[in-house]
Amino acid sequence: MATPSLTHVAALVVLAYLIGSVPFAVVVSKLMGLQDPRSYGSGNPGATNVLRTGNKTAALLTLLGDAAKGWFGVWLAERLAPGIGPGALAAVAVAAFLGHLYPVFLRFKGGKGVATALGVLLAIQPGLALAAAATWLIIAVFFRYSSLASLVAAFFAPVYYVFGSGLAWRAEPALGVALAVIGLLLFYRHRANIGRLLRGTESKIGGKKKPG
């Protein structure tokens, strides 16, 4: 199976970034006649902010769309370039994630990337995505903080990937690095949430928004 050329890989990276840039929060809100999510709440074009409208269907569609684009960007690269190596695939995975964080269609002001990261994990290794989702759910149920659950899941995803190698899958170093980069970017995008968690002012799931 032929290894794709550098030009081919570069095209796949750009394509993954553009797919990741599709702003489902804005698209879904517009199609459903809702207010632009960038104009209320946190101003974040993501499912959590869309949920603030009270429209759970819109929030769910946004969540699914954001996860799907992360999965699709990586899956499509594997289909268009069957001989793609782990290093190139890692670049594609990070590009799809960066598309959500810094979308060209929204002047590079995107969301925090939790759902998109899960979609990327699903494309890389479904079992890993399941483990990360279970981690998020456990932390969310016990502590009631969505942001904390996301941070813990982001931290453990590359850990699971490394220690699960030889048991549930075969880990590739390049993909492990990509997962670590995605995790660090998630922490960076949640820096305001981290501050609120430390101050005890972060809103809990199902609770009222606390003053910052």
N, C-alpha and C. Protein backbone atom coordinates (compact mmCIF):
# COMPACT_ATOMS: atom_id res chain seq x y z
N MET A 1 0.85 -1.20 0.00
CA MET A 1 0.00 0.00 0.00
C MET A 1 0.88 1.24 0.00
N ALA A 2 0.71 2.11 -0.98
CA ALA A 2 1.57 3.27 -1.15
C ALA A 2 1.38 4.29 -0.03
N THR A 3 2.50 4.84 0.44
CA THR A 3 2.45 5.90 1.45
C THR A 3 2.13 7.22 0.76
N PRO A 4 1.17 7.98 1.25
CA PRO A 4 0.82 9.25 0.61
C PRO A 4 1.97 10.24 0.65
N SER A 5 2.06 11.07 -0.39
CA SER A 5 3.12 12.06 -0.47
C SER A 5 2.89 13.16 0.56
N LEU A 6 3.92 13.99 0.76
CA LEU A 6 3.83 15.10 1.70
C LEU A 6 2.73 16.07 1.29
N THR A 7 2.60 16.29 -0.03
CA THR A 7 1.55 17.19 -0.53
C THR A 7 0.17 16.62 -0.23
N HIS A 8 0.04 15.31 -0.42
CA HIS A 8 -1.23 14.64 -0.14
C HIS A 8 -1.58 14.76 1.35
N VAL A 9 -0.59 14.54 2.21
CA VAL A 9 -0.81 14.64 3.66
C VAL A 9 -1.19 16.06 4.04
N ALA A 10 -0.50 17.04 3.46
CA ALA A 10 -0.81 18.45 3.76
C ALA A 10 -2.25 18.77 3.37
N ALA A 11 -2.69 18.24 2.23
CA ALA A 11 -4.08 18.47 1.79
C ALA A 11 -5.07 17.84 2.76
N LEU A 12 -4.74 16.66 3.28
CA LEU A 12 -5.62 15.99 4.24
C LEU A 12 -5.69 16.76 5.56
N VAL A 13 -4.56 17.34 5.97
CA VAL A 13 -4.52 18.13 7.20
C VAL A 13 -5.40 19.37 7.05
N VAL A 14 -5.30 20.04 5.91
CA VAL A 14 -6.12 21.23 5.65
C VAL A 14 -7.60 20.84 5.60
N LEU A 15 -7.90 19.73 4.94
CA LEU A 15 -9.29 19.26 4.84
C LEU A 15 -9.86 18.96 6.23
N ALA A 16 -9.06 18.30 7.07
CA ALA A 16 -9.51 17.99 8.43
C ALA A 16 -9.76 19.26 9.22
N TYR A 17 -8.89 20.25 9.05
CA TYR A 17 -9.08 21.53 9.74
C TYR A 17 -10.39 22.20 9.30
N LEU A 18 -10.66 22.18 8.00
CA LEU A 18 -11.88 22.81 7.49
C LEU A 18 -13.13 22.08 7.99
N ILE A 19 -13.06 20.75 8.05
CA ILE A 19 -14.18 19.97 8.58
C ILE A 19 -14.40 20.33 10.05
N GLY A 20 -13.30 20.41 10.79
CA GLY A 20 -13.40 20.76 12.20
C GLY A 20 -13.89 22.18 12.42
N SER A 21 -13.74 23.04 11.43
CA SER A 21 -14.15 24.43 11.54
C SER A 21 -15.65 24.65 11.38
N VAL A 22 -16.37 23.65 10.92
CA VAL A 22 -17.82 23.81 10.73
C VAL A 22 -18.46 24.11 12.09
N PRO A 23 -19.07 25.29 12.26
CA PRO A 23 -19.61 25.69 13.58
C PRO A 23 -21.03 25.19 13.80
N PHE A 24 -21.16 23.96 14.26
CA PHE A 24 -22.49 23.36 14.40
C PHE A 24 -23.39 24.13 15.36
N ALA A 25 -22.82 24.75 16.37
CA ALA A 25 -23.63 25.53 17.31
C ALA A 25 -24.34 26.67 16.58
N VAL A 26 -23.61 27.33 15.70
CA VAL A 26 -24.18 28.45 14.94
C VAL A 26 -25.14 27.93 13.88
N VAL A 27 -24.75 26.87 13.17
CA VAL A 27 -25.58 26.31 12.10
C VAL A 27 -26.90 25.79 12.65
N VAL A 28 -26.84 25.00 13.73
CA VAL A 28 -28.05 24.44 14.32
C VAL A 28 -28.96 25.54 14.85
N SER A 29 -28.36 26.53 15.51
CA SER A 29 -29.15 27.64 16.07
C SER A 29 -29.86 28.40 14.97
N LYS A 30 -29.17 28.63 13.87
CA LYS A 30 -29.78 29.37 12.75
C LYS A 30 -30.91 28.55 12.13
N LEU A 31 -30.69 27.26 11.92
CA LEU A 31 -31.70 26.42 11.31
C LEU A 31 -32.94 26.28 12.19
N MET A 32 -32.75 26.36 13.51
CA MET A 32 -33.86 26.20 14.44
C MET A 32 -34.43 27.53 14.91
N GLY A 33 -33.98 28.61 14.29
CA GLY A 33 -34.51 29.93 14.62
C GLY A 33 -34.12 30.44 15.99
N LEU A 34 -32.97 29.99 16.50
CA LEU A 34 -32.50 30.42 17.81
C LEU A 34 -31.49 31.55 17.68
N GLN A 35 -31.23 32.19 18.78
CA GLN A 35 -30.26 33.28 18.83
C GLN A 35 -28.85 32.73 18.59
N ASP A 36 -28.00 33.53 17.99
CA ASP A 36 -26.61 33.13 17.76
C ASP A 36 -25.96 32.86 19.12
N PRO A 37 -25.38 31.67 19.33
CA PRO A 37 -24.80 31.32 20.64
C PRO A 37 -23.64 32.21 21.06
N ARG A 38 -23.08 32.94 20.12
CA ARG A 38 -21.99 33.85 20.47
C ARG A 38 -22.49 35.14 21.10
N SER A 39 -23.82 35.31 21.15
CA SER A 39 -24.39 36.57 21.64
C SER A 39 -24.99 36.46 23.04
N TYR A 40 -24.83 35.31 23.70
CA TYR A 40 -25.38 35.17 25.05
C TYR A 40 -24.53 34.20 25.85
N GLY A 41 -24.82 34.13 27.15
CA GLY A 41 -24.10 33.21 28.03
C GLY A 41 -22.60 33.45 28.00
N SER A 42 -21.87 32.37 27.80
CA SER A 42 -20.41 32.46 27.74
C SER A 42 -19.91 32.96 26.40
N GLY A 43 -20.82 33.00 25.40
CA GLY A 43 -20.41 33.40 24.06
C GLY A 43 -19.69 32.28 23.33
N ASN A 44 -19.64 31.11 23.94
CA ASN A 44 -18.92 29.98 23.38
C ASN A 44 -19.81 29.22 22.39
N PRO A 45 -19.37 29.03 21.15
CA PRO A 45 -20.17 28.29 20.17
C PRO A 45 -20.07 26.79 20.38
N GLY A 46 -20.70 26.33 21.45
CA GLY A 46 -20.66 24.91 21.76
C GLY A 46 -21.99 24.45 22.33
N ALA A 47 -22.11 23.15 22.55
CA ALA A 47 -23.38 22.58 22.99
C ALA A 47 -23.83 23.08 24.36
N THR A 48 -22.88 23.25 25.28
CA THR A 48 -23.24 23.71 26.63
C THR A 48 -23.88 25.09 26.60
N ASN A 49 -23.34 25.97 25.79
CA ASN A 49 -23.92 27.32 25.71
C ASN A 49 -25.26 27.30 24.99
N VAL A 50 -25.39 26.47 23.95
CA VAL A 50 -26.67 26.34 23.25
C VAL A 50 -27.74 25.85 24.21
N LEU A 51 -27.36 24.99 25.16
CA LEU A 51 -28.31 24.46 26.13
C LEU A 51 -28.91 25.58 26.98
N ARG A 52 -28.22 26.69 27.10
CA ARG A 52 -28.72 27.81 27.90
C ARG A 52 -30.00 28.42 27.29
N THR A 53 -30.28 28.11 26.05
CA THR A 53 -31.53 28.59 25.45
C THR A 53 -32.72 27.79 25.97
N GLY A 54 -32.43 26.65 26.59
CA GLY A 54 -33.49 25.78 27.05
C GLY A 54 -33.91 24.77 26.01
N ASN A 55 -33.32 24.85 24.81
CA ASN A 55 -33.66 23.94 23.73
C ASN A 55 -32.70 22.75 23.76
N LYS A 56 -33.13 21.66 24.39
CA LYS A 56 -32.26 20.50 24.55
C LYS A 56 -31.98 19.80 23.22
N THR A 57 -32.95 19.87 22.30
CA THR A 57 -32.74 19.25 20.99
C THR A 57 -31.61 19.94 20.24
N ALA A 58 -31.61 21.26 20.28
CA ALA A 58 -30.55 22.04 19.61
C ALA A 58 -29.19 21.73 20.23
N ALA A 59 -29.15 21.64 21.56
CA ALA A 59 -27.90 21.34 22.25
C ALA A 59 -27.40 19.95 21.89
N LEU A 60 -28.32 18.97 21.82
CA LEU A 60 -27.94 17.61 21.47
C LEU A 60 -27.43 17.52 20.04
N LEU A 61 -28.10 18.19 19.12
CA LEU A 61 -27.66 18.20 17.73
C LEU A 61 -26.28 18.85 17.59
N THR A 62 -26.06 19.90 18.36
CA THR A 62 -24.74 20.56 18.35
C THR A 62 -23.68 19.61 18.87
N LEU A 63 -23.98 18.93 19.97
CA LEU A 63 -23.04 17.98 20.55
C LEU A 63 -22.69 16.87 19.56
N LEU A 64 -23.72 16.31 18.92
CA LEU A 64 -23.49 15.23 17.96
C LEU A 64 -22.71 15.72 16.75
N GLY A 65 -23.04 16.92 16.29
CA GLY A 65 -22.34 17.49 15.13
C GLY A 65 -20.88 17.75 15.43
N ASP A 66 -20.60 18.31 16.60
CA ASP A 66 -19.21 18.60 16.97
C ASP A 66 -18.39 17.33 17.14
N ALA A 67 -19.02 16.28 17.69
CA ALA A 67 -18.32 15.01 17.84
C ALA A 67 -18.12 14.35 16.47
N ALA A 68 -19.15 14.42 15.63
CA ALA A 68 -19.09 13.78 14.31
C ALA A 68 -18.00 14.37 13.44
N LYS A 69 -17.81 15.69 13.51
CA LYS A 69 -16.79 16.29 12.64
C LYS A 69 -15.38 15.88 13.06
N GLY A 70 -15.16 15.68 14.37
CA GLY A 70 -13.86 15.19 14.82
C GLY A 70 -13.61 13.78 14.32
N TRP A 71 -14.64 12.94 14.40
CA TRP A 71 -14.52 11.57 13.90
C TRP A 71 -14.35 11.56 12.38
N PHE A 72 -15.15 12.35 11.69
CA PHE A 72 -15.16 12.32 10.23
C PHE A 72 -13.85 12.80 9.64
N GLY A 73 -13.24 13.82 10.24
CA GLY A 73 -11.98 14.35 9.72
C GLY A 73 -10.90 13.28 9.69
N VAL A 74 -10.83 12.48 10.76
CA VAL A 74 -9.81 11.42 10.85
C VAL A 74 -10.20 10.23 9.98
N TRP A 75 -11.48 9.84 10.05
CA TRP A 75 -11.96 8.70 9.25
C TRP A 75 -11.76 8.95 7.76
N LEU A 76 -12.07 10.16 7.31
CA LEU A 76 -11.95 10.47 5.89
C LEU A 76 -10.50 10.40 5.42
N ALA A 77 -9.59 10.87 6.26
CA ALA A 77 -8.17 10.80 5.90
C ALA A 77 -7.72 9.35 5.73
N GLU A 78 -8.21 8.47 6.59
CA GLU A 78 -7.86 7.05 6.47
C GLU A 78 -8.43 6.43 5.20
N ARG A 79 -9.60 6.92 4.77
CA ARG A 79 -10.22 6.37 3.57
C ARG A 79 -9.59 6.94 2.30
N LEU A 80 -9.25 8.21 2.32
CA LEU A 80 -8.65 8.83 1.14
C LEU A 80 -7.19 8.46 0.96
N ALA A 81 -6.54 8.09 2.07
CA ALA A 81 -5.13 7.70 2.00
C ALA A 81 -4.93 6.44 2.83
N PRO A 82 -5.29 5.27 2.28
CA PRO A 82 -5.21 4.00 3.03
C PRO A 82 -3.83 3.70 3.60
N GLY A 83 -2.77 4.23 2.98
CA GLY A 83 -1.41 3.97 3.45
C GLY A 83 -0.90 5.03 4.41
N ILE A 84 -1.77 5.87 4.91
CA ILE A 84 -1.34 6.96 5.79
C ILE A 84 -0.70 6.41 7.06
N GLY A 85 0.42 7.00 7.46
CA GLY A 85 1.13 6.54 8.64
C GLY A 85 0.63 7.20 9.91
N PRO A 86 1.06 6.69 11.06
CA PRO A 86 0.62 7.24 12.35
C PRO A 86 0.95 8.72 12.53
N GLY A 87 2.13 9.14 12.04
CA GLY A 87 2.52 10.54 12.18
C GLY A 87 1.60 11.47 11.41
N ALA A 88 1.29 11.10 10.18
CA ALA A 88 0.39 11.91 9.36
C ALA A 88 -1.02 11.90 9.94
N LEU A 89 -1.45 10.74 10.42
CA LEU A 89 -2.79 10.64 11.00
C LEU A 89 -2.89 11.48 12.28
N ALA A 90 -1.80 11.53 13.04
CA ALA A 90 -1.76 12.35 14.25
C ALA A 90 -1.93 13.82 13.89
N ALA A 91 -1.27 14.26 12.81
CA ALA A 91 -1.39 15.65 12.36
C ALA A 91 -2.81 15.95 11.93
N VAL A 92 -3.45 15.01 11.26
CA VAL A 92 -4.84 15.16 10.83
C VAL A 92 -5.76 15.29 12.05
N ALA A 93 -5.53 14.45 13.06
CA ALA A 93 -6.36 14.46 14.27
C ALA A 93 -6.27 15.81 14.98
N VAL A 94 -5.06 16.31 15.14
CA VAL A 94 -4.87 17.61 15.80
C VAL A 94 -5.49 18.73 14.96
N ALA A 95 -5.37 18.63 13.63
CA ALA A 95 -5.93 19.66 12.74
C ALA A 95 -7.45 19.72 12.86
N ALA A 96 -8.11 18.56 12.92
CA ALA A 96 -9.56 18.53 13.07
C ALA A 96 -9.98 19.18 14.38
N PHE A 97 -9.23 18.92 15.43
CA PHE A 97 -9.51 19.50 16.74
C PHE A 97 -9.27 21.02 16.73
N LEU A 98 -8.17 21.44 16.14
CA LEU A 98 -7.87 22.87 16.05
C LEU A 98 -8.92 23.62 15.24
N GLY A 99 -9.52 22.92 14.27
CA GLY A 99 -10.57 23.55 13.49
C GLY A 99 -11.72 24.01 14.36
N HIS A 100 -12.06 23.20 15.37
CA HIS A 100 -13.15 23.59 16.27
C HIS A 100 -12.72 24.73 17.19
N LEU A 101 -11.48 24.66 17.68
CA LEU A 101 -11.00 25.69 18.60
C LEU A 101 -10.81 27.04 17.90
N TYR A 102 -10.27 26.99 16.69
CA TYR A 102 -9.97 28.22 15.94
C TYR A 102 -10.53 28.12 14.52
N PRO A 103 -11.86 28.13 14.39
CA PRO A 103 -12.49 27.93 13.07
C PRO A 103 -12.33 29.13 12.14
N VAL A 104 -11.93 28.86 10.94
CA VAL A 104 -11.76 29.93 9.96
C VAL A 104 -13.09 30.60 9.64
N PHE A 105 -14.20 29.87 9.80
CA PHE A 105 -15.52 30.41 9.47
C PHE A 105 -16.06 31.36 10.55
N LEU A 106 -15.43 31.35 11.72
CA LEU A 106 -15.87 32.24 12.81
C LEU A 106 -14.74 33.18 13.25
N ARG A 107 -13.89 33.52 12.31
CA ARG A 107 -12.75 34.41 12.60
C ARG A 107 -11.88 33.85 13.72
N PHE A 108 -11.72 32.54 13.72
CA PHE A 108 -10.82 31.82 14.62
C PHE A 108 -11.24 31.89 16.09
N LYS A 109 -12.52 32.11 16.34
CA LYS A 109 -13.04 32.15 17.71
C LYS A 109 -14.04 31.01 17.87
N GLY A 110 -13.53 29.87 18.34
CA GLY A 110 -14.37 28.68 18.43
C GLY A 110 -14.67 28.24 19.84
N GLY A 111 -15.05 26.96 19.98
CA GLY A 111 -15.44 26.41 21.26
C GLY A 111 -14.28 25.79 22.01
N LYS A 112 -14.62 25.02 23.03
CA LYS A 112 -13.59 24.43 23.90
C LYS A 112 -13.15 23.05 23.45
N GLY A 113 -13.95 22.40 22.60
CA GLY A 113 -13.47 21.20 21.92
C GLY A 113 -13.70 19.86 22.58
N VAL A 114 -14.50 19.79 23.64
CA VAL A 114 -14.67 18.51 24.33
C VAL A 114 -15.33 17.47 23.42
N ALA A 115 -16.44 17.83 22.80
CA ALA A 115 -17.14 16.89 21.93
C ALA A 115 -16.30 16.51 20.72
N THR A 116 -15.61 17.49 20.14
CA THR A 116 -14.76 17.21 18.98
C THR A 116 -13.61 16.29 19.35
N ALA A 117 -13.04 16.48 20.53
CA ALA A 117 -11.97 15.61 21.00
C ALA A 117 -12.48 14.18 21.15
N LEU A 118 -13.70 14.03 21.65
CA LEU A 118 -14.28 12.69 21.79
C LEU A 118 -14.45 12.03 20.42
N GLY A 119 -14.86 12.83 19.43
CA GLY A 119 -15.00 12.30 18.08
C GLY A 119 -13.68 11.84 17.50
N VAL A 120 -12.62 12.60 17.78
CA VAL A 120 -11.28 12.21 17.33
C VAL A 120 -10.86 10.90 17.99
N LEU A 121 -11.12 10.78 19.29
CA LEU A 121 -10.80 9.54 20.00
C LEU A 121 -11.55 8.35 19.40
N LEU A 122 -12.80 8.58 19.05
CA LEU A 122 -13.61 7.52 18.47
C LEU A 122 -13.02 7.01 17.16
N ALA A 123 -12.48 7.94 16.36
CA ALA A 123 -11.87 7.55 15.09
C ALA A 123 -10.55 6.82 15.29
N ILE A 124 -9.79 7.25 16.30
CA ILE A 124 -8.49 6.63 16.56
C ILE A 124 -8.65 5.24 17.18
N GLN A 125 -9.51 5.16 18.19
CA GLN A 125 -9.72 3.89 18.88
C GLN A 125 -11.05 3.95 19.66
N PRO A 126 -12.10 3.29 19.17
CA PRO A 126 -13.41 3.34 19.82
C PRO A 126 -13.38 2.99 21.31
N GLY A 127 -12.56 2.00 21.68
CA GLY A 127 -12.47 1.62 23.08
C GLY A 127 -11.92 2.75 23.94
N LEU A 128 -11.00 3.50 23.39
CA LEU A 128 -10.42 4.65 24.10
C LEU A 128 -11.47 5.73 24.30
N ALA A 129 -12.28 5.96 23.27
CA ALA A 129 -13.35 6.95 23.37
C ALA A 129 -14.34 6.54 24.46
N LEU A 130 -14.65 5.26 24.53
CA LEU A 130 -15.57 4.75 25.54
C LEU A 130 -15.00 4.96 26.94
N ALA A 131 -13.71 4.70 27.11
CA ALA A 131 -13.06 4.87 28.41
C ALA A 131 -13.07 6.34 28.83
N ALA A 132 -12.79 7.24 27.88
CA ALA A 132 -12.78 8.68 28.18
C ALA A 132 -14.19 9.16 28.53
N ALA A 133 -15.19 8.68 27.77
CA ALA A 133 -16.58 9.07 28.03
C ALA A 133 -17.04 8.56 29.39
N ALA A 134 -16.63 7.35 29.75
CA ALA A 134 -16.99 6.79 31.06
C ALA A 134 -16.35 7.60 32.18
N THR A 135 -15.12 8.04 31.96
CA THR A 135 -14.43 8.87 32.96
C THR A 135 -15.16 10.18 33.15
N TRP A 136 -15.55 10.79 32.03
CA TRP A 136 -16.31 12.05 32.11
C TRP A 136 -17.59 11.84 32.91
N LEU A 137 -18.30 10.77 32.61
CA LEU A 137 -19.59 10.51 33.25
C LEU A 137 -19.43 10.28 34.76
N ILE A 138 -18.42 9.52 35.14
CA ILE A 138 -18.20 9.23 36.57
C ILE A 138 -17.90 10.52 37.34
N ILE A 139 -17.00 11.33 36.81
CA ILE A 139 -16.65 12.59 37.49
C ILE A 139 -17.85 13.53 37.52
N ALA A 140 -18.59 13.59 36.41
CA ALA A 140 -19.76 14.48 36.35
C ALA A 140 -20.83 14.06 37.35
N VAL A 141 -21.04 12.77 37.49
CA VAL A 141 -22.07 12.27 38.42
C VAL A 141 -21.68 12.55 39.87
N PHE A 142 -20.42 12.33 40.21
CA PHE A 142 -19.99 12.46 41.60
C PHE A 142 -19.71 13.90 42.02
N PHE A 143 -19.19 14.71 41.08
CA PHE A 143 -18.80 16.07 41.46
C PHE A 143 -19.70 17.15 40.86
N ARG A 144 -20.49 16.82 39.84
CA ARG A 144 -21.46 17.72 39.23
C ARG A 144 -20.83 18.92 38.51
N TYR A 145 -19.58 18.79 38.13
CA TYR A 145 -18.92 19.85 37.36
C TYR A 145 -18.58 19.32 35.97
N SER A 146 -19.20 19.88 34.94
CA SER A 146 -18.92 19.44 33.57
C SER A 146 -17.48 19.74 33.18
N SER A 147 -17.00 20.93 33.57
CA SER A 147 -15.63 21.32 33.22
C SER A 147 -14.61 20.41 33.88
N LEU A 148 -14.82 20.08 35.15
CA LEU A 148 -13.89 19.18 35.85
C LEU A 148 -13.89 17.80 35.20
N ALA A 149 -15.07 17.32 34.83
CA ALA A 149 -15.17 16.02 34.16
C ALA A 149 -14.40 16.03 32.84
N SER A 150 -14.51 17.14 32.11
CA SER A 150 -13.81 17.26 30.83
C SER A 150 -12.30 17.27 31.03
N LEU A 151 -11.84 17.98 32.05
CA LEU A 151 -10.40 18.08 32.32
C LEU A 151 -9.82 16.74 32.76
N VAL A 152 -10.55 16.03 33.60
CA VAL A 152 -10.07 14.71 34.06
C VAL A 152 -10.02 13.73 32.90
N ALA A 153 -11.06 13.74 32.07
CA ALA A 153 -11.09 12.85 30.90
C ALA A 153 -9.96 13.18 29.93
N ALA A 154 -9.70 14.49 29.74
CA ALA A 154 -8.63 14.92 28.84
C ALA A 154 -7.26 14.49 29.37
N PHE A 155 -7.11 14.51 30.68
CA PHE A 155 -5.84 14.10 31.29
C PHE A 155 -5.60 12.59 31.12
N PHE A 156 -6.67 11.82 31.34
CA PHE A 156 -6.50 10.37 31.33
C PHE A 156 -6.54 9.73 29.94
N ALA A 157 -7.07 10.43 28.94
CA ALA A 157 -7.16 9.84 27.60
C ALA A 157 -5.80 9.35 27.09
N PRO A 158 -4.75 10.19 27.09
CA PRO A 158 -3.45 9.68 26.63
C PRO A 158 -2.87 8.62 27.55
N VAL A 159 -3.20 8.70 28.85
CA VAL A 159 -2.74 7.69 29.81
C VAL A 159 -3.36 6.34 29.48
N TYR A 160 -4.67 6.35 29.25
CA TYR A 160 -5.37 5.12 28.86
C TYR A 160 -4.77 4.55 27.57
N TYR A 161 -4.48 5.45 26.63
CA TYR A 161 -3.98 5.01 25.32
C TYR A 161 -2.64 4.27 25.48
N VAL A 162 -1.77 4.82 26.32
CA VAL A 162 -0.44 4.22 26.51
C VAL A 162 -0.55 2.90 27.27
N PHE A 163 -1.29 2.91 28.39
CA PHE A 163 -1.34 1.73 29.23
C PHE A 163 -2.28 0.64 28.69
N GLY A 164 -3.13 1.03 27.76
CA GLY A 164 -4.00 0.04 27.14
C GLY A 164 -3.34 -0.68 25.99
N SER A 165 -2.17 -0.21 25.60
CA SER A 165 -1.46 -0.83 24.48
C SER A 165 -1.05 -2.26 24.83
N GLY A 166 -1.34 -3.16 23.92
CA GLY A 166 -1.01 -4.57 24.16
C GLY A 166 -2.14 -5.31 24.85
N LEU A 167 -3.10 -4.56 25.39
CA LEU A 167 -4.24 -5.18 26.06
C LEU A 167 -5.50 -5.04 25.21
N ALA A 168 -5.79 -3.80 24.82
CA ALA A 168 -7.00 -3.54 24.05
C ALA A 168 -6.70 -3.00 22.65
N TRP A 169 -5.50 -2.48 22.45
CA TRP A 169 -5.09 -1.93 21.16
C TRP A 169 -3.58 -1.82 21.11
N ARG A 170 -3.06 -1.42 19.98
CA ARG A 170 -1.62 -1.21 19.85
C ARG A 170 -1.38 0.28 19.71
N ALA A 171 -0.74 0.88 20.69
CA ALA A 171 -0.52 2.32 20.70
C ALA A 171 0.59 2.72 19.73
N GLU A 172 0.39 3.83 19.06
CA GLU A 172 1.40 4.43 18.19
C GLU A 172 1.92 5.69 18.89
N PRO A 173 3.25 5.83 19.05
CA PRO A 173 3.80 7.00 19.75
C PRO A 173 3.30 8.33 19.20
N ALA A 174 3.21 8.46 17.88
CA ALA A 174 2.77 9.73 17.28
C ALA A 174 1.34 10.07 17.68
N LEU A 175 0.49 9.06 17.72
CA LEU A 175 -0.90 9.29 18.12
C LEU A 175 -0.99 9.60 19.61
N GLY A 176 -0.12 8.99 20.39
CA GLY A 176 -0.07 9.31 21.82
C GLY A 176 0.30 10.76 22.04
N VAL A 177 1.26 11.25 21.26
CA VAL A 177 1.65 12.66 21.35
C VAL A 177 0.49 13.56 20.94
N ALA A 178 -0.22 13.17 19.88
CA ALA A 178 -1.38 13.96 19.41
C ALA A 178 -2.43 14.05 20.51
N LEU A 179 -2.70 12.95 21.19
CA LEU A 179 -3.69 12.96 22.28
C LEU A 179 -3.22 13.85 23.43
N ALA A 180 -1.92 13.86 23.71
CA ALA A 180 -1.38 14.72 24.76
C ALA A 180 -1.53 16.18 24.37
N VAL A 181 -1.27 16.49 23.11
CA VAL A 181 -1.41 17.88 22.62
C VAL A 181 -2.86 18.33 22.72
N ILE A 182 -3.78 17.46 22.31
CA ILE A 182 -5.21 17.77 22.40
C ILE A 182 -5.59 18.01 23.86
N GLY A 183 -5.07 17.18 24.76
CA GLY A 183 -5.35 17.35 26.18
C GLY A 183 -4.84 18.68 26.71
N LEU A 184 -3.64 19.07 26.33
CA LEU A 184 -3.08 20.34 26.77
C LEU A 184 -3.89 21.52 26.24
N LEU A 185 -4.32 21.41 24.99
CA LEU A 185 -5.16 22.47 24.41
C LEU A 185 -6.50 22.57 25.12
N LEU A 186 -7.05 21.42 25.52
CA LEU A 186 -8.31 21.44 26.27
C LEU A 186 -8.12 22.14 27.61
N PHE A 187 -7.01 21.88 28.28
CA PHE A 187 -6.73 22.56 29.54
C PHE A 187 -6.60 24.06 29.31
N TYR A 188 -5.91 24.44 28.23
CA TYR A 188 -5.74 25.87 27.94
C TYR A 188 -7.07 26.54 27.68
N ARG A 189 -7.94 25.88 26.93
CA ARG A 189 -9.25 26.46 26.61
C ARG A 189 -10.17 26.50 27.83
N HIS A 190 -9.86 25.71 28.84
CA HIS A 190 -10.66 25.69 30.07
C HIS A 190 -10.01 26.49 31.20
N ARG A 191 -9.06 27.34 30.86
CA ARG A 191 -8.33 28.06 31.91
C ARG A 191 -9.26 28.92 32.79
N ALA A 192 -10.28 29.52 32.18
CA ALA A 192 -11.23 30.31 32.97
C ALA A 192 -12.02 29.40 33.91
N ASN A 193 -12.40 28.22 33.42
CA ASN A 193 -13.12 27.26 34.26
C ASN A 193 -12.24 26.78 35.41
N ILE A 194 -10.96 26.57 35.13
CA ILE A 194 -10.04 26.14 36.17
C ILE A 194 -9.97 27.18 37.28
N GLY A 195 -9.92 28.45 36.87
CA GLY A 195 -9.91 29.54 37.84
C GLY A 195 -11.15 29.53 38.71
N ARG A 196 -12.30 29.33 38.08
CA ARG A 196 -13.56 29.31 38.85
C ARG A 196 -13.65 28.08 39.76
N LEU A 197 -13.11 26.95 39.29
CA LEU A 197 -13.10 25.75 40.13
C LEU A 197 -12.25 25.99 41.38
N LEU A 198 -11.12 26.64 41.21
CA LEU A 198 -10.24 26.93 42.34
C LEU A 198 -10.87 27.93 43.31
N ARG A 199 -11.67 28.85 42.77
CA ARG A 199 -12.33 29.85 43.61
C ARG A 199 -13.65 29.34 44.19
N GLY A 200 -14.11 28.20 43.70
CA GLY A 200 -15.38 27.66 44.17
C GLY A 200 -16.58 28.35 43.57
N THR A 201 -16.41 29.00 42.40
CA THR A 201 -17.52 29.73 41.78
C THR A 201 -17.99 29.09 40.49
N GLU A 202 -17.45 27.92 40.14
CA GLU A 202 -17.87 27.24 38.92
C GLU A 202 -19.29 26.69 39.09
N SER A 203 -20.10 26.83 38.05
CA SER A 203 -21.47 26.33 38.10
C SER A 203 -21.51 24.81 38.02
N LYS A 204 -22.39 24.21 38.80
CA LYS A 204 -22.55 22.77 38.77
C LYS A 204 -23.59 22.39 37.74
N ILE A 205 -23.54 21.15 37.29
CA ILE A 205 -24.51 20.65 36.33
C ILE A 205 -25.90 20.70 36.97
N GLY A 206 -26.82 21.36 36.28
CA GLY A 206 -28.17 21.47 36.79
C GLY A 206 -28.36 22.58 37.80
N GLY A 207 -27.28 23.30 38.12
CA GLY A 207 -27.38 24.40 39.08
C GLY A 207 -27.42 25.74 38.39
N LYS A 208 -27.65 26.79 39.15
CA LYS A 208 -27.66 28.13 38.62
C LYS A 208 -26.25 28.63 38.41
N LYS A 209 -26.08 29.48 37.41
CA LYS A 209 -24.76 30.03 37.11
C LYS A 209 -24.31 30.94 38.24
N LYS A 210 -23.10 30.69 38.77
CA LYS A 210 -22.58 31.49 39.87
C LYS A 210 -21.84 32.71 39.33
N PRO A 211 -21.77 33.79 40.10
CA PRO A 211 -21.00 34.95 39.66
C PRO A 211 -19.52 34.61 39.61
N GLY A 212 -18.80 35.13 38.61
CA GLY A 212 -17.39 34.81 38.46
C GLY A 212 -16.52 35.43 39.49
